[in-house]
C-alpha cells in the first residue's frame, strides 16, 4: 500500500488531539484492512477490474483510490466501528442488528 495523502492524515490527528475532538482514523483503519486482506483480495475493494467486465469500462480499470460496492460497504463498517468505539452519542446513531425484512424484494412474507 502506497500512502498518497501526504501530511494530511497526521495533520488531522494532531488537530483532533489539540482540540480534544473525537476522531475516527479512517486512514489508519482502511490501511490496516487492506494490509490484512493482502493482494489480490484488496483489489476487490477498488475500481480495479479486467476488460469487458462492465460495459462502461471495455478496457477495464486500474483505480486504486475509488471504491466499488464491496469497498464502500467495508469502509462504512470501519466508520461504524469507529463510532461504536467513541461511544456515547456517536454510538447512539448506529442502528441495532436489523431484523429480517418481510419485504426482501421477492414479495411479502406474511
C-alpha atoms as a PDB file:
ATOM      1  CA  UNK A   1       0.000   0.000   0.000  1.00  0.00           C
ATOM      2  CA  UNK A   2       1.379   3.369  -1.023  1.00  0.00           C
ATOM      3  CA  UNK A   3       0.433   6.359   1.163  1.00  0.00           C
ATOM      4  CA  UNK A   4      -0.822   9.108  -1.137  1.00  0.00           C
ATOM      5  CA  UNK A   5      -2.352  11.613   1.274  1.00  0.00           C
ATOM      6  CA  UNK A   6       0.904  13.234   2.326  1.00  0.00           C
ATOM      7  CA  UNK A   7       0.830  15.055   5.662  1.00  0.00           C
ATOM      8  CA  UNK A   8      -2.955  15.341   5.728  1.00  0.00           C
ATOM      9  CA  UNK A   9      -3.749  12.313   7.974  1.00  0.00           C
ATOM     10  CA  UNK A  10      -1.171  13.382  10.565  1.00  0.00           C
ATOM     11  CA  UNK A  11      -2.457  16.965  10.461  1.00  0.00           C
ATOM     12  CA  UNK A  12      -6.000  15.758  11.151  1.00  0.00           C
ATOM     13  CA  UNK A  13      -4.803  13.538  14.014  1.00  0.00           C
ATOM     14  CA  UNK A  14      -2.845  16.445  15.546  1.00  0.00           C
ATOM     15  CA  UNK A  15      -5.809  18.804  15.228  1.00  0.00           C
ATOM     16  CA  UNK A  16      -8.159  16.299  16.868  1.00  0.00           C
ATOM     17  CA  UNK A  17      -5.695  15.788  19.734  1.00  0.00           C
ATOM     18  CA  UNK A  18      -5.008  19.507  20.171  1.00  0.00           C
ATOM     19  CA  UNK A  19      -8.692  20.476  20.157  1.00  0.00           C
ATOM     20  CA  UNK A  20      -9.797  17.378  22.094  1.00  0.00           C
ATOM     21  CA  UNK A  21     -12.084  16.321  19.248  1.00  0.00           C
ATOM     22  CA  UNK A  22     -13.363  12.818  18.553  1.00  0.00           C
ATOM     23  CA  UNK A  23     -11.607  11.170  15.649  1.00  0.00           C
ATOM     24  CA  UNK A  24     -12.275   8.150  13.508  1.00  0.00           C
ATOM     25  CA  UNK A  25      -8.939   7.498  11.846  1.00  0.00           C
ATOM     26  CA  UNK A  26     -10.257   6.034   8.623  1.00  0.00           C
ATOM     27  CA  UNK A  27      -6.834   6.415   7.037  1.00  0.00           C
ATOM     28  CA  UNK A  28      -5.247   4.045   9.552  1.00  0.00           C
ATOM     29  CA  UNK A  29      -8.247   1.710   9.719  1.00  0.00           C
ATOM     30  CA  UNK A  30      -8.520   1.347   5.951  1.00  0.00           C
ATOM     31  CA  UNK A  31      -4.759   0.807   5.587  1.00  0.00           C
ATOM     32  CA  UNK A  32      -4.963  -1.965   8.184  1.00  0.00           C
ATOM     33  CA  UNK A  33      -7.919  -3.570   6.399  1.00  0.00           C
ATOM     34  CA  UNK A  34      -6.156  -3.501   3.026  1.00  0.00           C
ATOM     35  CA  UNK A  35      -2.949  -4.929   4.504  1.00  0.00           C
ATOM     36  CA  UNK A  36      -4.852  -7.699   6.282  1.00  0.00           C
ATOM     37  CA  UNK A  37      -6.703  -8.614   3.088  1.00  0.00           C
ATOM     38  CA  UNK A  38      -3.497  -8.670   1.092  1.00  0.00           C
ATOM     39  CA  UNK A  39      -3.063  -8.744  -2.635  1.00  0.00           C
ATOM     40  CA  UNK A  40      -5.081  -9.525  -4.765  1.00  0.00           C
ATOM     41  CA  UNK A  41      -8.114  -9.696  -2.430  1.00  0.00           C
ATOM     42  CA  UNK A  42      -7.929  -5.994  -1.549  1.00  0.00           C
ATOM     43  CA  UNK A  43      -8.211  -5.101  -5.246  1.00  0.00           C
ATOM     44  CA  UNK A  44     -11.850  -6.181  -4.975  1.00  0.00           C
ATOM     45  CA  UNK A  45     -12.458  -3.080  -2.834  1.00  0.00           C
ATOM     46  CA  UNK A  46     -11.410  -0.626  -5.523  1.00  0.00           C
ATOM     47  CA  UNK A  47     -12.275   0.208  -9.105  1.00  0.00           C
ATOM     48  CA  UNK A  48      -9.780  -2.356 -10.367  1.00  0.00           C
ATOM     49  CA  UNK A  49     -11.133  -4.839 -12.866  1.00  0.00           C
ATOM     50  CA  UNK A  50     -10.400  -6.620 -16.104  1.00  0.00           C
ATOM     51  CA  UNK A  51     -11.535  -5.505 -19.549  1.00  0.00           C
ATOM     52  CA  UNK A  52     -15.124  -6.223 -20.561  1.00  0.00           C
ATOM     53  CA  UNK A  53     -16.344  -6.898 -17.020  1.00  0.00           C
ATOM     54  CA  UNK A  54     -18.549  -3.782 -17.159  1.00  0.00           C
ATOM     55  CA  UNK A  55     -19.980  -2.254 -20.354  1.00  0.00           C
ATOM     56  CA  UNK A  56     -18.901   1.262 -19.319  1.00  0.00           C
ATOM     57  CA  UNK A  57     -15.287   0.117 -18.965  1.00  0.00           C
ATOM     58  CA  UNK A  58     -14.495  -2.025 -22.025  1.00  0.00           C
ATOM     59  CA  UNK A  59     -10.751  -1.548 -21.394  1.00  0.00           C
ATOM     60  CA  UNK A  60     -11.021  -2.373 -17.696  1.00  0.00           C
ATOM     61  CA  UNK A  61      -9.907  -0.046 -14.931  1.00  0.00           C
ATOM     62  CA  UNK A  62      -6.921   0.374 -12.591  1.00  0.00           C
ATOM     63  CA  UNK A  63      -8.132   2.866  -9.981  1.00  0.00           C
ATOM     64  CA  UNK A  64      -6.755   2.166  -6.520  1.00  0.00           C
ATOM     65  CA  UNK A  65      -8.481   5.200  -4.994  1.00  0.00           C
ATOM     66  CA  UNK A  66     -12.192   4.973  -5.669  1.00  0.00           C
ATOM     67  CA  UNK A  67     -14.263   2.219  -4.134  1.00  0.00           C
ATOM     68  CA  UNK A  68     -16.541  -0.374  -5.652  1.00  0.00           C
ATOM     69  CA  UNK A  69     -19.627  -1.565  -3.784  1.00  0.00           C
ATOM     70  CA  UNK A  70     -17.692  -4.034  -1.618  1.00  0.00           C
ATOM     71  CA  UNK A  71     -15.154  -1.359  -0.686  1.00  0.00           C
ATOM     72  CA  UNK A  72     -17.897   1.097   0.225  1.00  0.00           C
ATOM     73  CA  UNK A  73     -19.552  -1.488   2.444  1.00  0.00           C
ATOM     74  CA  UNK A  74     -16.285  -2.470   4.158  1.00  0.00           C
ATOM     75  CA  UNK A  75     -15.162   1.145   4.694  1.00  0.00           C
ATOM     76  CA  UNK A  76     -18.599   2.063   6.036  1.00  0.00           C
ATOM     77  CA  UNK A  77     -18.168  -0.781   8.502  1.00  0.00           C
ATOM     78  CA  UNK A  78     -14.907   0.829   9.623  1.00  0.00           C
ATOM     79  CA  UNK A  79     -16.736   4.105  10.242  1.00  0.00           C
ATOM     80  CA  UNK A  80     -19.444   2.272  12.202  1.00  0.00           C
ATOM     81  CA  UNK A  81     -16.777   0.529  14.305  1.00  0.00           C
ATOM     82  CA  UNK A  82     -15.182   3.923  14.931  1.00  0.00           C
ATOM     83  CA  UNK A  83     -18.495   5.400  16.064  1.00  0.00           C
ATOM     84  CA  UNK A  84     -19.033   2.403  18.339  1.00  0.00           C
ATOM     85  CA  UNK A  85     -15.560   2.842  19.830  1.00  0.00           C
ATOM     86  CA  UNK A  86     -16.191   6.542  20.502  1.00  0.00           C
ATOM     87  CA  UNK A  87     -19.289   5.572  22.447  1.00  0.00           C
ATOM     88  CA  UNK A  88     -21.880   7.959  23.851  1.00  0.00           C
ATOM     89  CA  UNK A  89     -23.869   9.984  21.327  1.00  0.00           C
ATOM     90  CA  UNK A  90     -21.633   8.742  18.493  1.00  0.00           C
ATOM     91  CA  UNK A  91     -22.518   5.117  19.138  1.00  0.00           C
ATOM     92  CA  UNK A  92     -26.157   6.076  19.684  1.00  0.00           C
ATOM     93  CA  UNK A  93     -26.559   6.967  15.998  1.00  0.00           C
ATOM     94  CA  UNK A  94     -25.913   3.351  14.999  1.00  0.00           C
ATOM     95  CA  UNK A  95     -28.808   1.053  14.326  1.00  0.00           C
ATOM     96  CA  UNK A  96     -29.095  -2.187  16.191  1.00  0.00           C
ATOM     97  CA  UNK A  97     -28.885  -5.536  14.484  1.00  0.00           C
ATOM     98  CA  UNK A  98     -31.521  -5.351  11.783  1.00  0.00           C
ATOM     99  CA  UNK A  99     -34.445  -7.716  11.927  1.00  0.00           C
ATOM    100  CA  UNK A 100     -35.168  -9.738   8.841  1.00  0.00           C
ATOM    101  CA  UNK A 101     -37.180  -7.577   6.497  1.00  0.00           C
ATOM    102  CA  UNK A 102     -40.510  -9.019   5.406  1.00  0.00           C
ATOM    103  CA  UNK A 103     -40.037  -7.117   2.145  1.00  0.00           C
ATOM    104  CA  UNK A 104     -36.943  -8.704   0.680  1.00  0.00           C
ATOM    105  CA  UNK A 105     -37.636  -7.897  -2.953  1.00  0.00           C
ATOM    106  CA  UNK A 106     -39.315 -11.254  -3.512  1.00  0.00           C
ATOM    107  CA  UNK A 107     -42.706 -10.247  -2.222  1.00  0.00           C
ATOM    108  CA  UNK A 108     -44.418 -10.076   1.110  1.00  0.00           C
ATOM    109  CA  UNK A 109     -43.891 -12.922   3.541  1.00  0.00           C
ATOM    110  CA  UNK A 110     -46.862 -12.614   5.834  1.00  0.00           C
END
